[in-house]
C-alpha atoms as a PDB file:
ATOM      1  CA  MET A   1      95.764  13.974 -27.774  1.00  0.00           C
ATOM      2  CA  PRO A   2      97.705  10.657 -27.381  1.00  0.00           C
ATOM      3  CA  THR A   3      96.497   7.769 -29.533  1.00  0.00           C
ATOM      4  CA  THR A   4      95.600   5.625 -26.494  1.00  0.00           C
ATOM      5  CA  VAL A   5      93.452   8.422 -25.052  1.00  0.00           C
ATOM      6  CA  LYS A   6      91.715   8.909 -28.392  1.00  0.00           C
ATOM      7  CA  ALA A   7      91.076   5.183 -28.623  1.00  0.00           C
ATOM      8  CA  ALA A   8      89.690   5.060 -25.099  1.00  0.00           C
ATOM      9  CA  SER A   9      87.443   8.058 -25.775  1.00  0.00           C
ATOM     10  CA  ALA A  10      86.174   6.467 -28.966  1.00  0.00           C
ATOM     11  CA  LEU A  11      85.483   3.194 -27.161  1.00  0.00           C
ATOM     12  CA  ILE A  12      83.565   4.960 -24.394  1.00  0.00           C
ATOM     13  CA  ALA A  13      81.535   6.908 -26.945  1.00  0.00           C
ATOM     14  CA  PHE A  14      80.722   3.686 -28.792  1.00  0.00           C
ATOM     15  CA  LEU A  15      79.653   1.898 -25.621  1.00  0.00           C
ATOM     16  CA  VAL A  16      77.434   4.800 -24.587  1.00  0.00           C
ATOM     17  CA  PHE A  17      75.846   4.836 -28.047  1.00  0.00           C
ATOM     18  CA  ALA A  18      75.377   1.068 -28.066  1.00  0.00           C
ATOM     19  CA  SER A  19      73.844   1.122 -24.599  1.00  0.00           C
ATOM     20  CA  SER A  20      71.478   3.933 -25.609  1.00  0.00           C
ATOM     21  CA  ALA A  21      70.482   2.133 -28.800  1.00  0.00           C
ATOM     22  CA  LEU A  22      69.811  -1.063 -26.879  1.00  0.00           C
ATOM     23  CA  THR A  23      67.692   0.799 -24.333  1.00  0.00           C
ATOM     24  CA  GLN A  24      65.603   2.417 -27.073  1.00  0.00           C
ATOM     25  CA  SER A  25      65.164  -0.797 -29.058  1.00  0.00           C
ATOM     26  CA  LEU A  26      61.821  -2.537 -28.645  1.00  0.00           C
ATOM     27  CA  PRO A  27      60.361  -5.653 -30.292  1.00  0.00           C
ATOM     28  CA  ALA A  28      58.353  -4.821 -33.412  1.00  0.00           C
ATOM     29  CA  ALA A  29      55.226  -6.126 -31.671  1.00  0.00           C
ATOM     30  CA  PHE A  30      55.056  -2.912 -29.627  1.00  0.00           C
ATOM     31  CA  THR A  31      54.691  -0.822 -32.801  1.00  0.00           C
ATOM     32  CA  LYS A  32      51.555  -2.661 -33.940  1.00  0.00           C
ATOM     33  CA  LYS A  33      47.952  -1.886 -33.009  1.00  0.00           C
ATOM     34  CA  ILE A  34      47.456  -5.500 -31.935  1.00  0.00           C
ATOM     35  CA  PRO A  35      49.789  -8.527 -31.804  1.00  0.00           C
ATOM     36  CA  GLU A  36      49.685 -10.355 -35.127  1.00  0.00           C
ATOM     37  CA  GLY A  37      50.657 -13.830 -34.050  1.00  0.00           C
ATOM     38  CA  ILE A  38      52.309 -16.127 -31.532  1.00  0.00           C
ATOM     39  CA  GLN A  39      55.756 -14.651 -32.176  1.00  0.00           C
ATOM     40  CA  ASP A  40      54.519 -11.161 -31.306  1.00  0.00           C
ATOM     41  CA  LEU A  41      52.995 -12.469 -28.082  1.00  0.00           C
ATOM     42  CA  GLN A  42      56.194 -14.268 -27.156  1.00  0.00           C
ATOM     43  CA  ASP A  43      58.270 -11.168 -27.881  1.00  0.00           C
ATOM     44  CA  ILE A  44      55.986  -9.065 -25.666  1.00  0.00           C
ATOM     45  CA  GLU A  45      56.112 -11.637 -22.885  1.00  0.00           C
ATOM     46  CA  GLN A  46      59.906 -11.905 -22.916  1.00  0.00           C
ATOM     47  CA  HIS A  47      60.375  -8.145 -22.965  1.00  0.00           C
ATOM     48  CA  VAL A  48      57.918  -7.570 -20.133  1.00  0.00           C
ATOM     49  CA  GLN A  49      59.564 -10.260 -18.001  1.00  0.00           C
ATOM     50  CA  LYS A  50      62.936  -8.506 -18.328  1.00  0.00           C
ATOM     51  CA  LEU A  51      61.320  -5.141 -17.693  1.00  0.00           C
ATOM     52  CA  VAL A  52      59.647  -6.339 -14.504  1.00  0.00           C
ATOM     53  CA  GLU A  53      62.991  -7.577 -13.146  1.00  0.00           C
ATOM     54  CA  GLN A  54      64.397  -4.116 -13.828  1.00  0.00           C
ATOM     55  CA  VAL A  55      61.646  -1.988 -12.222  1.00  0.00           C
ATOM     56  CA  MET A  56      60.375  -4.255  -9.434  1.00  0.00           C
ATOM     57  CA  PRO A  57      63.036  -3.246  -6.850  1.00  0.00           C
ATOM     58  CA  ALA A  58      62.005   0.423  -7.094  1.00  0.00           C
ATOM     59  CA  THR A  59      58.309  -0.251  -6.412  1.00  0.00           C
ATOM     60  CA  VAL A  60      57.332  -0.026  -2.742  1.00  0.00           C
ATOM     61  CA  ASN A  61      54.403  -0.245  -0.351  1.00  0.00           C
ATOM     62  CA  LEU A  62      53.796   2.732   1.942  1.00  0.00           C
ATOM     63  CA  ARG A  63      52.144   2.560   5.350  1.00  0.00           C
ATOM     64  CA  ILE A  64      51.227   5.900   6.885  1.00  0.00           C
ATOM     65  CA  GLY A  65      49.241   5.455  10.068  1.00  0.00           C
ATOM     66  CA  ASN A  66      46.375   3.124   9.177  1.00  0.00           C
ATOM     67  CA  VAL A  67      46.499   4.049   5.495  1.00  0.00           C
ATOM     68  CA  GLN A  68      48.587   2.222   2.936  1.00  0.00           C
ATOM     69  CA  GLY A  69      49.327   2.732  -0.723  1.00  0.00           C
ATOM     70  CA  SER A  70      52.149   2.354  -3.227  1.00  0.00           C
ATOM     71  CA  GLY A  71      55.108   4.398  -4.428  1.00  0.00           C
ATOM     72  CA  VAL A  72      58.276   4.324  -6.517  1.00  0.00           C
ATOM     73  CA  ILE A  73      61.870   5.227  -5.580  1.00  0.00           C
ATOM     74  CA  VAL A  74      63.240   7.612  -8.226  1.00  0.00           C
ATOM     75  CA  ASN A  75      66.788   8.386  -7.079  1.00  0.00           C
ATOM     76  CA  ARG A  76      69.633   6.981  -4.984  1.00  0.00           C
ATOM     77  CA  GLU A  77      68.856   9.415  -2.164  1.00  0.00           C
ATOM     78  CA  GLY A  78      65.605   7.579  -1.463  1.00  0.00           C
ATOM     79  CA  TYR A  79      63.008  10.046  -2.720  1.00  0.00           C
ATOM     80  CA  ILE A  80      59.701   8.317  -3.435  1.00  0.00           C
ATOM     81  CA  LEU A  81      56.884   9.566  -5.644  1.00  0.00           C
ATOM     82  CA  THR A  82      53.330   8.672  -4.661  1.00  0.00           C
ATOM     83  CA  ALA A  83      49.795  10.077  -4.812  1.00  0.00           C
ATOM     84  CA  GLY A  84      48.962  13.122  -2.732  1.00  0.00           C
ATOM     85  CA  HIS A  85      46.016  11.379  -1.090  1.00  0.00           C
ATOM     86  CA  VAL A  86      48.399   8.624   0.044  1.00  0.00           C
ATOM     87  CA  SER A  87      51.158  10.811   1.514  1.00  0.00           C
ATOM     88  CA  GLY A  88      48.691  13.269   3.096  1.00  0.00           C
ATOM     89  CA  ALA A  89      50.178  15.796   5.529  1.00  0.00           C
ATOM     90  CA  ALA A  90      53.903  16.548   5.682  1.00  0.00           C
ATOM     91  CA  ASN A  91      56.370  15.220   8.283  1.00  0.00           C
ATOM     92  CA  ARG A  92      54.523  11.996   9.158  1.00  0.00           C
ATOM     93  CA  ASP A  93      56.196   8.663   9.870  1.00  0.00           C
ATOM     94  CA  VAL A  94      56.147   6.163   7.016  1.00  0.00           C
ATOM     95  CA  VAL A  95      56.888   2.443   6.942  1.00  0.00           C
ATOM     96  CA  ILE A  96      58.302   1.574   3.520  1.00  0.00           C
ATOM     97  CA  ILE A  97      58.127  -2.064   2.461  1.00  0.00           C
ATOM     98  CA  LEU A  98      60.417  -3.057  -0.392  1.00  0.00           C
ATOM     99  CA  HIS A  99      59.540  -5.636  -3.045  1.00  0.00           C
ATOM    100  CA  ASP A 100      61.384  -8.358  -1.098  1.00  0.00           C
ATOM    101  CA  GLY A 101      59.631  -7.607   2.203  1.00  0.00           C
ATOM    102  CA  ARG A 102      62.380  -5.547   3.856  1.00  0.00           C
ATOM    103  CA  ARG A 103      61.146  -2.553   5.842  1.00  0.00           C
ATOM    104  CA  LEU A 104      62.617   0.920   5.998  1.00  0.00           C
ATOM    105  CA  LYS A 105      61.668   4.121   7.800  1.00  0.00           C
ATOM    106  CA  GLY A 106      60.659   7.331   6.063  1.00  0.00           C
ATOM    107  CA  ARG A 107      58.849  10.668   6.347  1.00  0.00           C
ATOM    108  CA  THR A 108      56.185  12.299   4.221  1.00  0.00           C
ATOM    109  CA  LEU A 109      57.206  15.452   2.375  1.00  0.00           C
ATOM    110  CA  GLY A 110      55.050  17.721   0.216  1.00  0.00           C
ATOM    111  CA  ALA A 111      51.902  17.303  -1.858  1.00  0.00           C
ATOM    112  CA  ASN A 112      50.130  19.166  -4.629  1.00  0.00           C
ATOM    113  CA  ASN A 113      46.505  18.271  -4.001  1.00  0.00           C
ATOM    114  CA  ASP A 114      45.386  20.002  -7.195  1.00  0.00           C
ATOM    115  CA  ILE A 115      46.844  17.133  -9.240  1.00  0.00           C
ATOM    116  CA  ASP A 116      47.129  14.477  -6.474  1.00  0.00           C
ATOM    117  CA  SER A 117      50.941  14.317  -6.412  1.00  0.00           C
ATOM    118  CA  GLY A 118      52.905  13.535  -3.254  1.00  0.00           C
ATOM    119  CA  MET A 119      56.424  12.736  -2.087  1.00  0.00           C
ATOM    120  CA  VAL A 120      58.051  10.634   0.638  1.00  0.00           C
ATOM    121  CA  ARG A 121      61.714  10.182   1.559  1.00  0.00           C
ATOM    122  CA  ILE A 122      63.483   7.199   3.078  1.00  0.00           C
ATOM    123  CA  THR A 123      65.294   8.433   6.185  1.00  0.00           C
ATOM    124  CA  GLU A 124      67.722   5.521   6.437  1.00  0.00           C
ATOM    125  CA  LYS A 125      71.038   5.921   4.631  1.00  0.00           C
ATOM    126  CA  ALA A 126      71.745   3.604   1.708  1.00  0.00           C
ATOM    127  CA  ASP A 127      72.269   3.530  -2.040  1.00  0.00           C
ATOM    128  CA  PHE A 128      68.752   2.680  -3.155  1.00  0.00           C
ATOM    129  CA  ASP A 129      67.608   0.835  -6.268  1.00  0.00           C
ATOM    130  CA  HIS A 130      65.528   3.316  -8.209  1.00  0.00           C
ATOM    131  CA  ALA A 131      63.653   3.855 -11.443  1.00  0.00           C
ATOM    132  CA  GLU A 132      64.383   6.580 -13.955  1.00  0.00           C
ATOM    133  CA  MET A 133      61.782   9.273 -14.569  1.00  0.00           C
ATOM    134  CA  ALA A 134      60.755   9.871 -18.164  1.00  0.00           C
ATOM    135  CA  SER A 135      60.888  13.320 -19.694  1.00  0.00           C
ATOM    136  CA  SER A 136      57.902  15.627 -19.202  1.00  0.00           C
ATOM    137  CA  ALA A 137      56.714  15.069 -22.777  1.00  0.00           C
ATOM    138  CA  VAL A 138      53.100  13.935 -23.098  1.00  0.00           C
ATOM    139  CA  VAL A 139      52.896  10.236 -23.958  1.00  0.00           C
ATOM    140  CA  SER A 140      51.016   9.173 -27.078  1.00  0.00           C
ATOM    141  CA  MET A 141      47.679   7.398 -27.148  1.00  0.00           C
ATOM    142  CA  GLY A 142      48.218   3.685 -27.693  1.00  0.00           C
ATOM    143  CA  THR A 143      51.616   3.639 -25.940  1.00  0.00           C
ATOM    144  CA  TRP A 144      52.208   0.356 -24.138  1.00  0.00           C
ATOM    145  CA  CYS A 145      52.584   0.756 -20.387  1.00  0.00           C
ATOM    146  CA  LEU A 146      53.232  -1.323 -17.297  1.00  0.00           C
ATOM    147  CA  SER A 147      51.527  -0.791 -13.936  1.00  0.00           C
ATOM    148  CA  LEU A 148      52.986  -1.979 -10.630  1.00  0.00           C
ATOM    149  CA  GLY A 149      51.504  -1.629  -7.169  1.00  0.00           C
ATOM    150  CA  HIS A 150      50.000  -3.369  -4.165  1.00  0.00           C
ATOM    151  CA  PRO A 151      46.283  -3.961  -4.871  1.00  0.00           C
ATOM    152  CA  GLY A 152      44.485  -4.664  -1.621  1.00  0.00           C
ATOM    153  CA  GLY A 153      47.568  -3.527   0.292  1.00  0.00           C
ATOM    154  CA  HIS A 154      50.850  -5.320   0.955  1.00  0.00           C
ATOM    155  CA  LYS A 155      50.573  -9.113   1.200  1.00  0.00           C
ATOM    156  CA  PRO A 156      53.483 -10.943   2.912  1.00  0.00           C
ATOM    157  CA  GLY A 157      55.375 -13.004   0.353  1.00  0.00           C
ATOM    158  CA  ARG A 158      53.674 -11.316  -2.604  1.00  0.00           C
ATOM    159  CA  PRO A 159      55.798  -8.880  -4.639  1.00  0.00           C
ATOM    160  CA  PRO A 160      54.212  -5.868  -6.360  1.00  0.00           C
ATOM    161  CA  VAL A 161      51.518  -6.957  -8.809  1.00  0.00           C
ATOM    162  CA  VAL A 162      52.090  -6.321 -12.524  1.00  0.00           C
ATOM    163  CA  ARG A 163      49.519  -5.305 -15.148  1.00  0.00           C
ATOM    164  CA  LEU A 164      50.214  -4.603 -18.814  1.00  0.00           C
ATOM    165  CA  GLY A 165      48.139  -2.146 -20.808  1.00  0.00           C
ATOM    166  CA  ARG A 166      48.065   0.865 -23.093  1.00  0.00           C
ATOM    167  CA  VAL A 167      47.528   4.596 -22.800  1.00  0.00           C
ATOM    168  CA  GLN A 168      43.973   5.553 -23.744  1.00  0.00           C
ATOM    169  CA  GLN A 169      44.275   9.303 -23.311  1.00  0.00           C
ATOM    170  CA  SER A 170      47.029  11.723 -22.371  1.00  0.00           C
ATOM    171  CA  ALA A 171      47.162  15.415 -21.433  1.00  0.00           C
ATOM    172  CA  VAL A 172      49.331  17.753 -19.388  1.00  0.00           C
ATOM    173  CA  ASN A 173      47.578  16.971 -16.097  1.00  0.00           C
ATOM    174  CA  PHE A 174      46.497  13.356 -16.512  1.00  0.00           C
ATOM    175  CA  ILE A 175      47.056  10.033 -18.240  1.00  0.00           C
ATOM    176  CA  VAL A 176      44.320   7.442 -18.711  1.00  0.00           C
ATOM    177  CA  SER A 177      45.321   3.801 -19.179  1.00  0.00           C
ATOM    178  CA  ASP A 178      43.564   0.437 -19.223  1.00  0.00           C
ATOM    179  CA  CYS A 179      45.938  -1.012 -16.600  1.00  0.00           C
ATOM    180  CA  THR A 180      43.507  -2.234 -13.944  1.00  0.00           C
ATOM    181  CA  LEU A 181      43.788  -0.476 -10.562  1.00  0.00           C
ATOM    182  CA  VAL A 182      42.123  -1.275  -7.240  1.00  0.00           C
ATOM    183  CA  GLY A 183      42.493  -0.005  -3.683  1.00  0.00           C
ATOM    184  CA  GLY A 184      46.126  -0.090  -2.551  1.00  0.00           C
ATOM    185  CA  ASP A 185      47.540   0.654  -6.013  1.00  0.00           C
ATOM    186  CA  SER A 186      47.289   4.427  -5.485  1.00  0.00           C
ATOM    187  CA  GLY A 187      50.709   6.066  -5.695  1.00  0.00           C
ATOM    188  CA  GLY A 188      52.285   3.211  -7.624  1.00  0.00           C
ATOM    189  CA  PRO A 189      54.268   3.695 -10.854  1.00  0.00           C
ATOM    190  CA  LEU A 190      53.199   3.526 -14.479  1.00  0.00           C
ATOM    191  CA  PHE A 191      56.189   2.631 -16.680  1.00  0.00           C
ATOM    192  CA  ASP A 192      56.792   2.831 -20.404  1.00  0.00           C
ATOM    193  CA  MET A 193      58.384  -0.098 -22.212  1.00  0.00           C
ATOM    194  CA  HIS A 194      61.868   1.302 -21.560  1.00  0.00           C
ATOM    195  CA  GLY A 195      61.341   1.077 -17.800  1.00  0.00           C
ATOM    196  CA  LYS A 196      60.932   4.813 -17.253  1.00  0.00           C
ATOM    197  CA  VAL A 197      58.251   6.211 -14.955  1.00  0.00           C
ATOM    198  CA  ILE A 198      55.655   8.078 -17.037  1.00  0.00           C
ATOM    199  CA  GLY A 199      52.978   8.459 -14.356  1.00  0.00           C
ATOM    200  CA  ILE A 200      51.791   7.765 -10.814  1.00  0.00           C
ATOM    201  CA  HIS A 201      48.487   6.013 -10.088  1.00  0.00           C
ATOM    202  CA  SER A 202      45.847   8.421  -8.813  1.00  0.00           C
ATOM    203  CA  ARG A 203      42.352   6.924  -9.013  1.00  0.00           C
ATOM    204  CA  ILE A 204      39.975   4.549 -10.772  1.00  0.00           C
ATOM    205  CA  GLY A 205      38.170   6.019 -13.758  1.00  0.00           C
ATOM    206  CA  ASP A 206      34.822   5.133 -15.308  1.00  0.00           C
ATOM    207  CA  HIS A 207      35.692   1.438 -15.112  1.00  0.00           C
ATOM    208  CA  VAL A 208      38.439  -0.637 -13.480  1.00  0.00           C
ATOM    209  CA  SER A 209      39.952  -0.838 -16.970  1.00  0.00           C
ATOM    210  CA  SER A 210      40.053   2.957 -17.372  1.00  0.00           C
ATOM    211  CA  ASN A 211      42.260   4.568 -14.766  1.00  0.00           C
ATOM    212  CA  ILE A 212      43.822   7.948 -14.008  1.00  0.00           C
ATOM    213  CA  HIS A 213      47.528   8.625 -13.466  1.00  0.00           C
ATOM    214  CA  VAL A 214      49.426  11.836 -12.674  1.00  0.00           C
ATOM    215  CA  PRO A 215      51.973  12.481 -15.480  1.00  0.00           C
ATOM    216  CA  ILE A 216      55.607  12.510 -14.419  1.00  0.00           C
ATOM    217  CA  GLY A 217      55.944  16.067 -15.702  1.00  0.00           C
ATOM    218  CA  GLY A 218      53.680  17.151 -12.860  1.00  0.00           C
ATOM    219  CA  TYR A 219      56.374  16.015 -10.424  1.00  0.00           C
ATOM    220  CA  ARG A 220      59.384  17.375 -12.290  1.00  0.00           C
ATOM    221  CA  GLU A 221      57.952  20.892 -12.437  1.00  0.00           C
ATOM    222  CA  ILE A 222      57.274  21.103  -8.675  1.00  0.00           C
ATOM    223  CA  TRP A 223      60.059  18.854  -7.364  1.00  0.00           C
ATOM    224  CA  THR A 224      61.625  21.539  -5.155  1.00  0.00           C
ATOM    225  CA  ARG A 225      58.340  22.438  -3.476  1.00  0.00           C
ATOM    226  CA  LEU A 226      57.499  18.793  -2.817  1.00  0.00           C
ATOM    227  CA  ALA A 227      60.974  18.109  -1.419  1.00  0.00           C
ATOM    228  CA  ARG A 228      60.638  21.116   0.924  1.00  0.00           C
ATOM    229  CA  GLY A 229      57.473  19.629   2.397  1.00  0.00           C
ATOM    230  CA  GLU A 230      55.010  22.185   1.019  1.00  0.00           C
ATOM    231  CA  ILE A 231      51.322  21.234   0.919  1.00  0.00           C
ATOM    232  CA  TRP A 232      49.019  23.164  -1.381  1.00  0.00           C
ATOM    233  CA  GLY A 233      45.927  22.939  -3.571  1.00  0.00           C
ATOM    234  CA  ASN A 234      42.529  21.365  -3.071  1.00  0.00           C
ATOM    235  CA  PRO A 235      41.865  17.662  -3.554  1.00  0.00           C
ATOM    236  CA  ALA A 236      40.224  16.983  -6.891  1.00  0.00           C
ATOM    237  CA  PRO A 237      36.493  16.262  -6.596  1.00  0.00           C
ATOM    238  CA  LEU A 238      36.105  12.542  -6.029  1.00  0.00           C
ATOM    239  CA  PHE A 239      33.863  11.876  -8.989  1.00  0.00           C
ATOM    240  CA  THR A 240      35.213  14.121 -11.723  1.00  0.00           C
ATOM    241  CA  VAL A 241      35.875  11.066 -13.882  1.00  0.00           C
ATOM    242  CA  THR A 242      32.552   9.282 -13.354  1.00  0.00           C
ATOM    243  CA  LYS A 243      29.996   9.026 -16.103  1.00  0.00           C
ATOM    244  CA  THR A 244      26.709  10.884 -16.298  1.00  0.00           C
ATOM    245  CA  GLY A 245      24.025   8.561 -14.925  1.00  0.00           C
ATOM    246  CA  SER A 246      26.343   6.722 -12.504  1.00  0.00           C
ATOM    247  CA  ALA A 247      25.579   6.288  -8.810  1.00  0.00           C
ATOM    248  CA  TYR A 248      26.040   9.512  -6.858  1.00  0.00           C
ATOM    249  CA  LEU A 249      26.588  10.045  -3.131  1.00  0.00           C
ATOM    250  CA  GLY A 250      27.663  13.685  -2.885  1.00  0.00           C
ATOM    251  CA  VAL A 251      30.574  13.832  -0.478  1.00  0.00           C
ATOM    252  CA  ARG A 252      34.175  14.944  -0.679  1.00  0.00           C
ATOM    253  CA  ALA A 253      36.448  12.939   1.607  1.00  0.00           C
ATOM    254  CA  THR A 254      40.054  12.247   2.568  1.00  0.00           C
ATOM    255  CA  PRO A 255      41.627   9.155   4.217  1.00  0.00           C
ATOM    256  CA  GLU A 256      42.019   9.328   8.004  1.00  0.00           C
ATOM    257  CA  LYS A 257      42.538   6.633  10.668  1.00  0.00           C
ATOM    258  CA  ALA A 258      41.498   3.632   8.539  1.00  0.00           C
ATOM    259  CA  ALA A 259      38.364   5.509   7.486  1.00  0.00           C
ATOM    260  CA  LEU A 260      37.290   8.357   5.221  1.00  0.00           C
ATOM    261  CA  LYS A 261      36.722  11.767   6.755  1.00  0.00           C
ATOM    262  CA  ILE A 262      33.984  13.755   5.029  1.00  0.00           C
ATOM    263  CA  GLU A 263      35.416  17.159   4.144  1.00  0.00           C
ATOM    264  CA  SER A 264      32.210  18.517   2.625  1.00  0.00           C
ATOM    265  CA  VAL A 265      28.686  17.422   1.725  1.00  0.00           C
ATOM    266  CA  THR A 266      27.107  18.662  -1.504  1.00  0.00           C
ATOM    267  CA  PRO A 267      23.850  20.570  -0.895  1.00  0.00           C
ATOM    268  CA  GLU A 268      20.700  18.654  -1.904  1.00  0.00           C
ATOM    269  CA  SER A 269      22.764  15.512  -2.504  1.00  0.00           C
ATOM    270  CA  PRO A 270      21.728  12.026  -1.338  1.00  0.00           C
ATOM    271  CA  ALA A 271      24.347  12.312   1.430  1.00  0.00           C
ATOM    272  CA  GLU A 272      22.860  15.551   2.783  1.00  0.00           C
ATOM    273  CA  LYS A 273      19.281  14.302   2.535  1.00  0.00           C
ATOM    274  CA  ALA A 274      20.207  11.173   4.510  1.00  0.00           C
ATOM    275  CA  GLY A 275      21.987  13.142   7.250  1.00  0.00           C
ATOM    276  CA  LEU A 276      25.689  12.625   6.560  1.00  0.00           C
ATOM    277  CA  LYS A 277      27.698  15.565   7.884  1.00  0.00           C
ATOM    278  CA  THR A 278      31.078  17.229   7.511  1.00  0.00           C
ATOM    279  CA  ASP A 279      33.710  15.592   9.787  1.00  0.00           C
ATOM    280  CA  ASP A 280      31.849  12.257   9.873  1.00  0.00           C
ATOM    281  CA  LEU A 281      34.261   9.316   9.560  1.00  0.00           C
ATOM    282  CA  ILE A 282      32.966   6.714   7.106  1.00  0.00           C
ATOM    283  CA  VAL A 283      34.057   3.340   8.480  1.00  0.00           C
ATOM    284  CA  THR A 284      32.075   0.841   6.388  1.00  0.00           C
ATOM    285  CA  ILE A 285      29.492   0.804   3.621  1.00  0.00           C
ATOM    286  CA  ASP A 286      27.178  -2.217   3.587  1.00  0.00           C
ATOM    287  CA  ASN A 287      29.591  -3.807   6.103  1.00  0.00           C
ATOM    288  CA  ALA A 288      32.570  -3.449   3.711  1.00  0.00           C
ATOM    289  CA  LYS A 289      35.589  -1.527   5.022  1.00  0.00           C
ATOM    290  CA  CYS A 290      35.999   1.904   3.441  1.00  0.00           C
ATOM    291  CA  ALA A 291      39.506   3.207   4.172  1.00  0.00           C
ATOM    292  CA  SER A 292      40.455   4.965   0.931  1.00  0.00           C
ATOM    293  CA  LEU A 293      39.056   6.979  -1.958  1.00  0.00           C
ATOM    294  CA  ASP A 294      39.699   3.952  -4.154  1.00  0.00           C
ATOM    295  CA  ASP A 295      37.484   1.838  -1.872  1.00  0.00           C
ATOM    296  CA  LEU A 296      34.645   4.354  -2.027  1.00  0.00           C
ATOM    297  CA  SER A 297      34.961   4.895  -5.765  1.00  0.00           C
ATOM    298  CA  ALA A 298      34.998   1.159  -6.508  1.00  0.00           C
ATOM    299  CA  PHE A 299      32.004   0.602  -4.228  1.00  0.00           C
ATOM    300  CA  LEU A 300      29.881   3.262  -5.924  1.00  0.00           C
ATOM    301  CA  LYS A 301      30.780   1.956  -9.363  1.00  0.00           C
ATOM    302  CA  SER A 302      29.329  -1.403  -8.307  1.00  0.00           C
ATOM    303  CA  ARG A 303      25.943   0.124  -7.343  1.00  0.00           C
ATOM    304  CA  ARG A 304      23.108   1.548  -9.410  1.00  0.00           C
ATOM    305  CA  PRO A 305      21.293   4.841  -8.817  1.00  0.00           C
ATOM    306  CA  GLY A 306      18.309   4.295  -6.524  1.00  0.00           C
ATOM    307  CA  THR A 307      20.075   1.610  -4.476  1.00  0.00           C
ATOM    308  CA  GLN A 308      19.910   1.991  -0.692  1.00  0.00           C
ATOM    309  CA  ILE A 309      23.229   1.620   1.085  1.00  0.00           C
ATOM    310  CA  ASN A 310      24.034   1.545   4.795  1.00  0.00           C
ATOM    311  CA  VAL A 311      26.877   3.875   5.753  1.00  0.00           C
ATOM    312  CA  GLN A 312      28.461   3.327   9.166  1.00  0.00           C
ATOM    313  CA  VAL A 313      30.031   6.512  10.489  1.00  0.00           C
ATOM    314  CA  GLN A 314      31.698   7.769  13.629  1.00  0.00           C
ATOM    315  CA  ARG A 315      30.470  11.173  14.789  1.00  0.00           C
ATOM    316  CA  ARG A 316      31.924  12.822  17.874  1.00  0.00           C
ATOM    317  CA  GLY A 317      32.805   9.433  19.372  1.00  0.00           C
ATOM    318  CA  GLU A 318      29.461   7.827  18.575  1.00  0.00           C
ATOM    319  CA  THR A 319      29.011   5.096  15.954  1.00  0.00           C
ATOM    320  CA  MET A 320      25.841   5.127  13.882  1.00  0.00           C
ATOM    321  CA  THR A 321      24.515   3.613  10.665  1.00  0.00           C
ATOM    322  CA  ILE A 322      22.803   5.902   8.162  1.00  0.00           C
ATOM    323  CA  ALA A 323      20.724   4.617   5.230  1.00  0.00           C
ATOM    324  CA  VAL A 324      21.362   6.515   2.002  1.00  0.00           C
ATOM    325  CA  VAL A 325      19.524   6.131  -1.302  1.00  0.00           C
ATOM    326  CA  LEU A 326      22.045   6.753  -4.056  1.00  0.00           C
ATOM    327  CA  GLY A 327      21.181   9.360  -6.675  1.00  0.00           C
ATOM    328  CA  LYS A 328      22.009   9.575 -10.360  1.00  0.00           C
ATOM    329  CA  ARG A 329      24.866  11.791 -11.432  1.00  0.00           C
ATOM    330  CA  ALA A 330      23.593  14.523 -13.732  1.00  0.00           C
ATOM    331  CA  ASP A 331      26.931  15.837 -15.093  1.00  0.00           C
END
């Protein structure tokens, strides 16, 4: 091999190594249980600021009919990962709003409702800014993480909102972090401190500071099926992550037309006793709009068992208000 070629090869190898080493390098503050002083806090702040600049362009708002959520572009072809309850059915029109307010057109693809994973694709041709997906390895408890999304939906002039936190629990099918989530964040990305996507926001947990994300491995393993537009599985029960003794309604619902469509009513539940029925569309609860599972979950977490709530529903074209006394969750 000519000397110049060897030299070039060596230089390229060195640059690749240096780039990799730089990417993997983190301030020492991220290895500690808690920051130990002002310097640690400043190091964290500076790193996070650079990280946000890197990942912000890949974070998007999704509008599908009257429902909106968040998502993240993960390759140059414009594939977007989101939550299954955000993308919903396959082959629907999507309005995709980038971090700078630009709008693109897209279509929903597949969803695995068993784990709440979904996929969307931008249909316009371009070379899209995107985030890198992490490996499918389970992340460790205590890992620092960064949440981006659109809480409350997209706000003109406001870029995706950033929250810094740590992983509280991790398993094959879920990640729990203390990055606060509210309605509109669903489908948004959870990043590690290298800017790689480790999870997708699914739902609020026991508290707003304990939230559930779908691990990125759950997307890698079923990528082909999602990209083909397959829909399978059953939506996870709405309150599988609520605590014993919390307020209990007893419905299973999915977003539809700026409301929540009741898919089933649990026998002997407060919902059944009050007269809520399958196919009812929940429009408001105590005059507050209820357009997503996040909205309903957050509302119930703010109420105590025994509280009476007024649920406005649409049933076969008729609007009615039904009083429901919330129960106490037994398990």
